[in-house]
Protein backbone atom coordinates (compact mmCIF):
# COMPACT_ATOMS: atom_id res chain seq x y z
CA MET A 1 -12.91 -120.55 36.47
CA PRO A 2 -15.63 -123.03 37.45
CA VAL A 3 -15.90 -126.24 35.53
CA ALA A 4 -19.19 -126.30 33.67
CA GLN A 5 -19.86 -129.76 32.35
CA PRO A 6 -22.24 -129.83 29.43
CA ASN A 7 -25.19 -132.04 30.12
CA GLU A 8 -26.42 -133.47 26.82
CA ALA A 9 -30.24 -133.14 26.86
CA GLY A 10 -30.27 -133.63 30.61
CA ALA A 11 -29.07 -137.22 30.38
CA GLU A 12 -26.23 -138.46 32.53
CA ALA A 13 -23.55 -140.57 30.95
CA PRO A 14 -24.18 -144.22 31.70
CA PRO A 15 -21.74 -145.83 34.12
CA CYS A 16 -18.86 -147.30 32.16
CA ALA A 17 -16.64 -150.18 33.17
CA THR A 18 -13.66 -149.68 30.89
CA ILE A 19 -11.64 -146.73 29.68
CA GLU A 20 -12.77 -147.54 26.12
CA GLU A 21 -16.40 -147.12 27.17
CA TRP A 22 -15.57 -143.81 28.88
CA PHE A 23 -13.79 -142.67 25.74
CA ALA A 24 -16.75 -143.57 23.54
CA ALA A 25 -19.18 -141.82 25.89
CA LEU A 26 -17.21 -138.65 26.66
CA GLU A 27 -14.87 -137.89 23.79
CA ALA A 28 -17.30 -135.65 21.86
CA PRO A 29 -18.58 -133.67 24.89
CA LEU A 30 -15.01 -133.21 26.16
CA LEU A 31 -13.90 -131.96 22.74
CA THR A 32 -16.75 -129.44 22.75
CA TYR A 33 -15.80 -128.32 26.25
CA ALA A 34 -12.09 -128.02 25.40
CA LEU A 35 -12.91 -126.12 22.21
CA ARG A 36 -14.88 -123.56 24.22
CA LEU A 37 -11.90 -123.11 26.55
CA LEU A 38 -9.20 -122.92 23.87
CA ALA A 39 -10.92 -121.86 20.62
CA ASP A 40 -8.51 -124.07 18.69
CA PRO A 41 -9.69 -127.49 17.45
CA ILE A 42 -6.21 -129.00 17.28
CA LEU A 43 -5.33 -127.90 20.81
CA ALA A 44 -8.71 -129.11 22.04
CA GLU A 45 -8.03 -132.56 20.58
CA ASP A 46 -4.59 -132.59 22.17
CA MET A 47 -5.98 -131.69 25.59
CA VAL A 48 -8.70 -134.37 25.43
CA GLN A 49 -6.18 -136.97 24.28
CA GLU A 50 -3.82 -135.99 27.10
CA ALA A 51 -6.66 -136.28 29.64
CA PHE A 52 -7.54 -139.79 28.46
CA MET A 53 -3.86 -140.78 28.50
CA ARG A 54 -3.59 -139.61 32.09
CA LEU A 55 -6.80 -141.43 33.00
CA HIS A 56 -5.41 -144.59 31.43
CA THR A 57 -2.34 -144.51 33.69
CA GLN A 58 -4.41 -144.17 36.86
CA PHE A 59 -7.79 -145.63 35.92
CA ASP A 60 -7.88 -147.92 38.98
CA GLN A 61 -7.49 -144.98 41.43
CA VAL A 62 -10.09 -142.63 39.86
CA ARG A 63 -13.54 -142.94 41.50
CA GLU A 64 -15.50 -140.62 39.17
CA PRO A 65 -13.90 -140.67 35.71
CA LYS A 66 -16.36 -138.21 34.16
CA SER A 67 -15.68 -135.45 36.69
CA TRP A 68 -12.00 -136.31 36.72
CA LEU A 69 -11.78 -136.01 32.90
CA TYR A 70 -13.58 -132.65 32.83
CA ARG A 71 -11.35 -131.31 35.61
CA THR A 72 -8.22 -132.60 33.84
CA VAL A 73 -9.21 -131.02 30.50
CA HIS A 74 -10.01 -127.78 32.33
CA ASN A 75 -6.63 -127.75 34.10
CA LEU A 76 -4.72 -128.64 30.93
CA ALA A 77 -6.44 -125.82 29.06
CA LEU A 78 -5.65 -123.32 31.84
CA ASN A 79 -2.02 -124.45 31.92
CA HIS A 80 -1.77 -124.06 28.17
CA ARG A 81 -3.26 -120.55 28.25
CA ARG A 82 -0.92 -119.61 31.09
CA GLN A 83 2.13 -120.87 29.18
CA ALA A 84 0.98 -119.24 25.93
CA GLY A 85 0.72 -115.93 27.76
CA LYS A 86 4.42 -116.11 28.59
CA ILE A 87 5.45 -116.39 24.94
CA VAL A 88 6.53 -113.10 23.41
CA ALA A 89 6.22 -112.74 19.65
CA LEU A 90 9.44 -111.80 17.88
CA THR A 91 7.65 -110.04 15.02
CA PRO A 92 6.49 -106.46 15.47
CA ALA A 93 2.85 -106.06 16.44
CA ALA A 94 0.46 -105.43 13.57
CA ALA A 95 -1.17 -102.05 13.18
CA GLY A 96 -4.11 -101.69 15.52
CA ASP A 97 -2.71 -104.00 18.20
CA ASP A 98 -2.66 -102.73 21.75
CA GLU A 99 1.05 -103.43 22.12
CA PRO A 100 3.43 -100.81 20.71
CA ALA A 101 5.45 -102.04 17.77
CA SER A 102 9.17 -102.33 18.30
CA GLU A 103 11.42 -100.12 16.23
CA PRO A 104 11.97 -101.46 12.73
CA PRO A 105 15.48 -102.62 11.93
CA ASP A 106 17.75 -100.06 10.35
CA PRO A 107 17.51 -100.55 6.57
CA LEU A 108 20.97 -99.08 5.98
CA PRO A 109 23.98 -101.39 5.95
CA SER A 110 26.48 -101.20 8.77
CA PRO A 111 29.67 -99.19 8.13
CA ASP A 112 31.64 -102.43 7.68
CA GLU A 113 29.15 -103.76 5.15
CA GLU A 114 29.18 -100.45 3.29
CA LEU A 115 32.99 -100.45 3.15
CA VAL A 116 33.04 -103.99 1.72
CA ARG A 117 30.39 -102.99 -0.83
CA VAL A 118 32.34 -99.89 -1.94
CA GLU A 119 35.60 -101.86 -2.19
CA GLY A 120 33.81 -104.53 -4.21
CA ILE A 121 32.44 -101.93 -6.61
CA GLY A 122 35.93 -100.48 -7.05
CA LEU A 123 37.38 -103.91 -7.78
CA VAL A 124 34.64 -104.66 -10.32
CA ARG A 125 35.26 -101.34 -12.06
CA ARG A 126 39.00 -102.00 -12.17
CA GLY A 127 38.34 -105.51 -13.53
CA LEU A 128 36.04 -104.08 -16.20
CA GLN A 129 38.75 -101.63 -17.26
CA ASN A 130 41.11 -104.54 -17.83
CA LEU A 131 38.68 -106.05 -20.37
CA SER A 132 38.74 -105.13 -24.05
CA ALA A 133 36.39 -102.40 -25.30
CA ARG A 134 34.31 -105.02 -27.13
CA ASP A 135 33.90 -107.13 -23.96
CA GLN A 136 33.00 -104.03 -21.94
CA GLU A 137 30.35 -103.13 -24.53
CA LEU A 138 28.89 -106.65 -24.48
CA LEU A 139 28.65 -106.60 -20.68
CA ARG A 140 27.03 -103.14 -20.77
CA LEU A 141 24.44 -104.32 -23.29
CA LYS A 142 23.71 -107.47 -21.32
CA PHE A 143 23.56 -106.07 -17.79
CA ASN A 144 22.81 -102.34 -18.13
CA GLU A 145 20.33 -102.59 -21.00
CA ALA A 146 19.16 -106.13 -20.16
CA LEU A 147 19.30 -107.26 -23.79
CA SER A 148 19.10 -110.90 -24.83
CA TYR A 149 21.93 -112.58 -26.71
CA LYS A 150 19.85 -112.31 -29.88
CA GLU A 151 19.36 -108.55 -29.41
CA ILE A 152 23.07 -108.07 -28.67
CA SER A 153 23.89 -110.07 -31.78
CA ALA A 154 21.66 -107.79 -33.90
CA ARG A 155 23.34 -104.66 -32.49
CA THR A 156 26.93 -105.83 -32.75
CA GLY A 157 26.83 -107.99 -35.86
CA LEU A 158 28.26 -110.97 -33.92
CA THR A 159 26.58 -114.37 -34.00
CA VAL A 160 24.46 -115.35 -31.01
CA GLY A 161 26.88 -118.14 -30.14
CA HIS A 162 29.86 -115.79 -30.30
CA VAL A 163 28.06 -113.30 -28.02
CA GLY A 164 27.50 -116.08 -25.49
CA TYR A 165 31.12 -117.22 -25.74
CA LEU A 166 32.52 -113.71 -25.27
CA LEU A 167 30.21 -112.90 -22.35
CA HIS A 168 31.07 -116.18 -20.67
CA HIS A 169 34.82 -115.59 -20.91
CA SER A 170 34.51 -111.92 -19.88
CA LEU A 171 32.59 -112.86 -16.76
CA LYS A 172 35.00 -115.69 -16.05
CA SER A 173 38.03 -113.40 -16.17
CA LEU A 174 36.21 -110.78 -14.06
CA ALA A 175 35.36 -113.45 -11.48
CA ALA A 176 38.99 -114.59 -11.42
CA GLU A 177 40.15 -111.05 -10.58
CA LEU A 178 37.55 -110.77 -7.83
CA ALA A 179 38.63 -114.13 -6.47
CA LYS A 180 42.23 -112.92 -6.30
CA ALA A 181 41.00 -109.99 -4.22
CA GLY A 182 39.08 -112.36 -1.94
CA LEU A 183 35.59 -111.17 -2.87
CA VAL A 184 34.45 -114.29 -4.72
CA LEU A 185 35.12 -117.87 -3.70
């Protein structure tokens, strides 16, 4: 790709004696040039900054800083595009992309996970059977019917505080049984 240096209104940049003068004279045109090559303002700024940093380290050896800076920005942009082309996205390609989408992950649990889930359900059911009928009913109202403590209190005739107390202790004893089985820490 040839290096096309923008020539602002046909005027050449005045000869500069220091790197600061070169920076003041060429930062904006170099940013424009890098932006055309990369189409990303942040990357363009990074490339221009890197070019000036490299010029700073070898300013005494560079005979034509303007050409050298444009060539350096050009090469940095090409290197970036080359490296970016090697990166493979881990997410499946979006619909309409040219690349085929990889197979979606299997939504079903593995056999081991399913076995642990089924065993856990069995242990919870057994733990629920060990609770009193009143505690079982309170848990059913809370978790199956998603009622608030106030609604449970209205249905059962218990006070709201007593409902909370009973639910707390029912869940605590259920958790203790599951912990004995190694399902809950």
